């Protein structure tokens, strides 16, 4: 996206038509429950979901998303604080598969 900016207080090293990087923060939520973007499947769909472990079994859990960033997504529903979202790399694992989560 091309955007033209006009600084309210010009900085000496800025010149017309220079390329700059700008990060625009569009929202912030204190004490938000967030998970890394790569752990949320189908995040652009109407039914995003994550993998969690519940009672030694792999569970596919639908979640409701709030604010979205490049690295993290806010979870509004479907998870509670303290539940661990898993990265499942073995395509043979399905919802209901027995799993053991190790480490922190």
N, C-alpha and C. Protein backbone atom coordinates (compact mmCIF):
# COMPACT_ATOMS: atom_id res chain seq x y z
N UNK A 1 0.85 -1.17 0.00
CA UNK A 1 0.00 0.00 0.00
C UNK A 1 0.89 1.22 0.00
N UNK A 2 0.62 2.11 -0.89
CA UNK A 2 1.40 3.35 -0.93
C UNK A 2 0.65 4.42 -0.15
N UNK A 3 1.39 5.07 0.76
CA UNK A 3 0.81 6.12 1.60
C UNK A 3 1.77 7.30 1.59
N UNK A 4 1.23 8.48 1.52
CA UNK A 4 2.07 9.69 1.60
C UNK A 4 1.85 10.30 2.98
N UNK A 5 2.97 10.57 3.66
CA UNK A 5 2.92 11.12 5.01
C UNK A 5 3.52 12.50 5.03
N UNK A 6 2.94 13.35 5.84
CA UNK A 6 3.48 14.69 6.05
C UNK A 6 3.73 14.87 7.53
N UNK A 7 5.00 14.79 7.96
CA UNK A 7 5.30 14.93 9.39
C UNK A 7 4.93 16.31 9.90
N UNK A 8 4.39 16.37 11.11
CA UNK A 8 4.03 17.66 11.70
C UNK A 8 5.28 18.44 12.10
N UNK A 9 6.33 17.70 12.45
CA UNK A 9 7.61 18.34 12.78
C UNK A 9 8.67 17.71 11.88
N UNK A 10 9.03 18.36 10.78
CA UNK A 10 10.01 17.78 9.85
C UNK A 10 11.33 17.42 10.54
N UNK A 11 11.88 16.30 10.13
CA UNK A 11 13.16 15.83 10.64
C UNK A 11 14.20 16.09 9.56
N UNK A 12 15.38 16.62 9.93
CA UNK A 12 16.37 17.04 8.93
C UNK A 12 16.78 15.96 7.94
N UNK A 13 16.83 14.69 8.36
CA UNK A 13 17.31 13.65 7.46
C UNK A 13 16.24 13.12 6.50
N UNK A 14 14.99 13.53 6.66
CA UNK A 14 13.94 13.10 5.73
C UNK A 14 13.94 14.00 4.50
N UNK A 15 13.83 13.38 3.35
CA UNK A 15 13.79 14.10 2.08
C UNK A 15 12.52 13.72 1.33
N UNK A 16 12.01 14.57 0.47
CA UNK A 16 10.83 14.22 -0.33
C UNK A 16 11.05 12.92 -1.11
N UNK A 17 10.01 12.09 -1.19
CA UNK A 17 9.99 10.82 -1.92
C UNK A 17 10.89 9.73 -1.34
N UNK A 18 11.36 9.91 -0.08
CA UNK A 18 12.12 8.85 0.56
C UNK A 18 11.19 7.70 0.91
N UNK A 19 11.73 6.50 0.91
CA UNK A 19 10.98 5.34 1.36
C UNK A 19 11.25 5.15 2.84
N UNK A 20 10.21 4.97 3.61
CA UNK A 20 10.35 4.74 5.05
C UNK A 20 9.45 3.56 5.43
N UNK A 21 9.76 2.97 6.57
CA UNK A 21 8.91 1.91 7.13
C UNK A 21 8.12 2.51 8.27
N UNK A 22 6.83 2.20 8.29
CA UNK A 22 5.95 2.74 9.31
C UNK A 22 5.13 1.59 9.90
N UNK A 23 5.04 1.54 11.20
CA UNK A 23 4.18 0.56 11.86
C UNK A 23 3.01 1.33 12.45
N UNK A 24 1.81 0.95 12.04
CA UNK A 24 0.61 1.63 12.52
C UNK A 24 -0.13 0.71 13.47
N UNK A 25 -0.29 1.15 14.69
CA UNK A 25 -1.02 0.37 15.69
C UNK A 25 -2.48 0.79 15.64
N UNK A 26 -3.35 -0.15 15.31
CA UNK A 26 -4.76 0.17 15.16
C UNK A 26 -5.59 -0.24 16.38
N UNK A 27 -4.99 -0.97 17.30
CA UNK A 27 -5.72 -1.35 18.49
C UNK A 27 -4.80 -1.95 19.52
N UNK A 28 -5.23 -1.91 20.78
CA UNK A 28 -4.46 -2.49 21.87
C UNK A 28 -5.45 -2.91 22.95
N UNK A 29 -5.22 -4.07 23.50
CA UNK A 29 -6.10 -4.61 24.53
C UNK A 29 -5.24 -5.06 25.70
N UNK A 30 -5.45 -4.45 26.86
CA UNK A 30 -4.69 -4.83 28.06
C UNK A 30 -5.14 -6.22 28.51
N UNK A 31 -4.20 -7.02 28.97
CA UNK A 31 -4.47 -8.36 29.50
C UNK A 31 -5.19 -9.27 28.52
N UNK A 32 -4.89 -9.14 27.25
CA UNK A 32 -5.53 -9.96 26.23
C UNK A 32 -4.91 -11.36 26.22
N UNK A 33 -5.73 -12.35 25.90
CA UNK A 33 -5.24 -13.71 25.69
C UNK A 33 -4.82 -13.80 24.23
N UNK A 34 -3.53 -14.05 23.98
CA UNK A 34 -3.03 -14.09 22.62
C UNK A 34 -2.27 -15.39 22.38
N UNK A 35 -2.25 -15.82 21.12
CA UNK A 35 -1.45 -16.98 20.72
C UNK A 35 -0.71 -16.61 19.44
N UNK A 36 0.42 -17.26 19.20
CA UNK A 36 1.14 -16.99 17.95
C UNK A 36 0.27 -17.30 16.73
N UNK A 37 0.35 -16.46 15.74
CA UNK A 37 -0.44 -16.59 14.52
C UNK A 37 -0.30 -17.96 13.88
N UNK A 38 0.91 -18.53 13.88
CA UNK A 38 1.14 -19.80 13.19
C UNK A 38 0.46 -20.99 13.87
N UNK A 39 -0.04 -20.81 15.10
CA UNK A 39 -0.72 -21.91 15.80
C UNK A 39 -2.23 -21.92 15.55
N UNK A 40 -2.74 -20.89 14.90
CA UNK A 40 -4.18 -20.81 14.62
C UNK A 40 -4.42 -21.22 13.17
N UNK A 41 -5.19 -22.28 13.00
CA UNK A 41 -5.51 -22.79 11.67
C UNK A 41 -6.74 -22.07 11.12
N UNK A 42 -6.76 -21.83 9.82
CA UNK A 42 -7.90 -21.20 9.15
C UNK A 42 -8.27 -19.86 9.78
N UNK A 43 -7.25 -19.08 10.13
CA UNK A 43 -7.50 -17.81 10.84
C UNK A 43 -8.26 -16.79 9.99
N UNK A 44 -8.25 -16.94 8.68
CA UNK A 44 -8.97 -16.00 7.82
C UNK A 44 -10.40 -16.47 7.55
N UNK A 45 -10.77 -17.62 8.06
CA UNK A 45 -12.10 -18.18 7.80
C UNK A 45 -13.08 -17.80 8.91
N UNK A 46 -14.31 -18.27 8.77
CA UNK A 46 -15.33 -18.06 9.80
C UNK A 46 -15.18 -19.04 10.95
N UNK A 47 -14.29 -20.02 10.82
CA UNK A 47 -14.14 -21.06 11.85
C UNK A 47 -12.68 -21.35 12.16
N UNK A 48 -11.94 -20.37 12.72
CA UNK A 48 -10.55 -20.64 13.07
C UNK A 48 -10.49 -21.65 14.22
N UNK A 49 -9.38 -22.40 14.29
CA UNK A 49 -9.26 -23.42 15.32
C UNK A 49 -7.80 -23.64 15.70
N UNK A 50 -7.61 -24.29 16.85
CA UNK A 50 -6.28 -24.61 17.37
C UNK A 50 -6.29 -26.05 17.88
N UNK A 51 -5.09 -26.60 18.07
CA UNK A 51 -4.94 -27.90 18.72
C UNK A 51 -4.61 -27.67 20.19
N UNK A 52 -5.29 -28.39 21.08
CA UNK A 52 -4.93 -28.38 22.50
C UNK A 52 -4.91 -29.83 22.98
N UNK A 53 -4.31 -30.04 24.15
CA UNK A 53 -4.33 -31.35 24.79
C UNK A 53 -5.31 -31.27 25.95
N UNK A 54 -6.18 -32.25 26.02
CA UNK A 54 -7.17 -32.30 27.09
C UNK A 54 -7.27 -33.74 27.58
N UNK A 55 -6.81 -33.99 28.80
CA UNK A 55 -6.88 -35.33 29.35
C UNK A 55 -6.08 -36.36 28.58
N UNK A 56 -4.95 -35.95 28.03
CA UNK A 56 -4.09 -36.87 27.29
C UNK A 56 -4.53 -37.12 25.86
N UNK A 57 -5.51 -36.35 25.39
CA UNK A 57 -6.04 -36.53 24.05
C UNK A 57 -5.92 -35.22 23.27
N UNK A 58 -5.59 -35.33 22.00
CA UNK A 58 -5.51 -34.16 21.12
C UNK A 58 -6.92 -33.71 20.76
N UNK A 59 -7.18 -32.42 20.95
CA UNK A 59 -8.52 -31.87 20.71
C UNK A 59 -8.41 -30.68 19.76
N UNK A 60 -9.26 -30.68 18.75
CA UNK A 60 -9.37 -29.54 17.85
C UNK A 60 -10.41 -28.61 18.46
N UNK A 61 -9.99 -27.37 18.76
CA UNK A 61 -10.87 -26.43 19.45
C UNK A 61 -11.09 -25.20 18.60
N UNK A 62 -12.34 -24.91 18.28
CA UNK A 62 -12.65 -23.67 17.55
C UNK A 62 -12.47 -22.49 18.49
N UNK A 63 -12.00 -21.38 17.95
CA UNK A 63 -11.76 -20.18 18.74
C UNK A 63 -12.39 -18.98 18.05
N UNK A 64 -12.66 -17.96 18.83
CA UNK A 64 -13.14 -16.69 18.29
C UNK A 64 -11.99 -15.70 18.40
N UNK A 65 -11.71 -15.03 17.29
CA UNK A 65 -10.58 -14.11 17.24
C UNK A 65 -11.01 -12.67 17.43
N UNK A 66 -10.10 -11.89 18.00
CA UNK A 66 -10.30 -10.46 18.17
C UNK A 66 -9.27 -9.72 17.32
N UNK A 67 -8.46 -8.91 17.97
CA UNK A 67 -7.43 -8.14 17.26
C UNK A 67 -6.42 -9.09 16.62
N UNK A 68 -5.94 -8.71 15.45
CA UNK A 68 -5.01 -9.55 14.70
C UNK A 68 -3.74 -8.77 14.40
N UNK A 69 -2.62 -9.37 14.71
CA UNK A 69 -1.33 -8.78 14.37
C UNK A 69 -0.56 -9.71 13.47
N UNK A 70 0.62 -9.30 13.07
CA UNK A 70 1.45 -10.13 12.22
C UNK A 70 1.94 -11.37 12.96
N UNK A 71 2.22 -11.23 14.25
CA UNK A 71 2.81 -12.32 15.02
C UNK A 71 1.85 -13.00 15.97
N UNK A 72 0.85 -12.29 16.46
CA UNK A 72 -0.08 -12.83 17.46
C UNK A 72 -1.52 -12.53 17.10
N UNK A 73 -2.42 -13.40 17.59
CA UNK A 73 -3.85 -13.20 17.42
C UNK A 73 -4.51 -13.21 18.79
N UNK A 74 -5.43 -12.29 19.00
CA UNK A 74 -6.17 -12.25 20.25
C UNK A 74 -7.28 -13.30 20.22
N UNK A 75 -7.41 -14.04 21.32
CA UNK A 75 -8.45 -15.05 21.45
C UNK A 75 -9.54 -14.50 22.35
N UNK A 76 -10.75 -14.37 21.80
CA UNK A 76 -11.89 -13.87 22.58
C UNK A 76 -12.70 -15.01 23.20
N UNK A 77 -12.65 -16.19 22.59
CA UNK A 77 -13.42 -17.30 23.11
C UNK A 77 -12.89 -18.62 22.59
N UNK A 78 -13.21 -19.70 23.32
CA UNK A 78 -12.79 -21.03 22.92
C UNK A 78 -11.61 -21.55 23.71
N UNK A 79 -10.85 -20.65 24.32
CA UNK A 79 -9.71 -21.02 25.17
C UNK A 79 -9.78 -20.22 26.46
N UNK A 80 -9.14 -20.75 27.48
CA UNK A 80 -8.98 -19.99 28.72
C UNK A 80 -7.50 -19.88 29.02
N UNK A 81 -7.14 -18.89 29.79
CA UNK A 81 -5.75 -18.68 30.15
C UNK A 81 -5.21 -19.93 30.82
N UNK A 82 -4.01 -20.32 30.42
CA UNK A 82 -3.37 -21.50 30.98
C UNK A 82 -3.47 -22.73 30.08
N UNK A 83 -4.45 -22.76 29.17
CA UNK A 83 -4.51 -23.87 28.23
C UNK A 83 -3.37 -23.72 27.24
N UNK A 84 -2.71 -24.82 26.95
CA UNK A 84 -1.56 -24.77 26.06
C UNK A 84 -1.98 -25.14 24.65
N UNK A 85 -1.72 -24.23 23.72
CA UNK A 85 -2.00 -24.47 22.30
C UNK A 85 -0.79 -25.19 21.73
N UNK A 86 -1.06 -26.27 20.97
CA UNK A 86 0.01 -27.12 20.48
C UNK A 86 0.30 -26.91 19.01
N UNK A 87 1.56 -27.13 18.65
CA UNK A 87 1.98 -27.16 17.26
C UNK A 87 2.05 -28.64 16.88
N UNK A 88 1.15 -29.07 16.02
CA UNK A 88 1.09 -30.47 15.61
C UNK A 88 1.68 -30.58 14.21
N UNK A 89 2.79 -31.32 14.11
CA UNK A 89 3.49 -31.43 12.83
C UNK A 89 3.32 -32.80 12.19
N UNK A 90 2.83 -33.77 12.94
CA UNK A 90 2.64 -35.12 12.40
C UNK A 90 1.26 -35.22 11.78
N UNK A 91 1.17 -35.35 10.45
CA UNK A 91 -0.14 -35.37 9.78
C UNK A 91 -0.99 -36.59 10.14
N UNK A 92 -0.40 -37.59 10.78
CA UNK A 92 -1.18 -38.76 11.19
C UNK A 92 -2.02 -38.49 12.44
N UNK A 93 -1.66 -37.46 13.18
CA UNK A 93 -2.41 -37.14 14.40
C UNK A 93 -3.73 -36.49 14.05
N UNK A 94 -4.77 -36.92 14.71
CA UNK A 94 -6.12 -36.43 14.50
C UNK A 94 -6.74 -36.10 15.85
N UNK A 95 -7.85 -35.39 15.83
CA UNK A 95 -8.59 -35.14 17.05
C UNK A 95 -8.94 -36.49 17.68
N UNK A 96 -8.63 -36.65 18.95
CA UNK A 96 -8.87 -37.91 19.65
C UNK A 96 -7.62 -38.76 19.80
N UNK A 97 -6.53 -38.39 19.08
CA UNK A 97 -5.27 -39.13 19.20
C UNK A 97 -4.72 -38.95 20.62
N UNK A 98 -4.18 -40.03 21.18
CA UNK A 98 -3.53 -39.95 22.49
C UNK A 98 -2.22 -39.18 22.32
N UNK A 99 -1.98 -38.23 23.19
CA UNK A 99 -0.74 -37.44 23.14
C UNK A 99 -0.21 -37.23 24.55
N UNK A 100 1.09 -36.99 24.62
CA UNK A 100 1.72 -36.62 25.89
C UNK A 100 2.54 -35.37 25.62
N UNK A 101 2.21 -34.31 26.33
CA UNK A 101 2.92 -33.05 26.15
C UNK A 101 4.06 -33.00 27.14
N UNK A 102 5.25 -32.75 26.60
CA UNK A 102 6.44 -32.68 27.46
C UNK A 102 7.03 -31.29 27.41
N UNK A 103 7.73 -30.93 28.45
CA UNK A 103 8.45 -29.66 28.48
C UNK A 103 7.52 -28.47 28.70
N UNK A 104 8.15 -27.26 28.65
CA UNK A 104 7.40 -26.08 28.97
C UNK A 104 7.05 -25.31 27.79
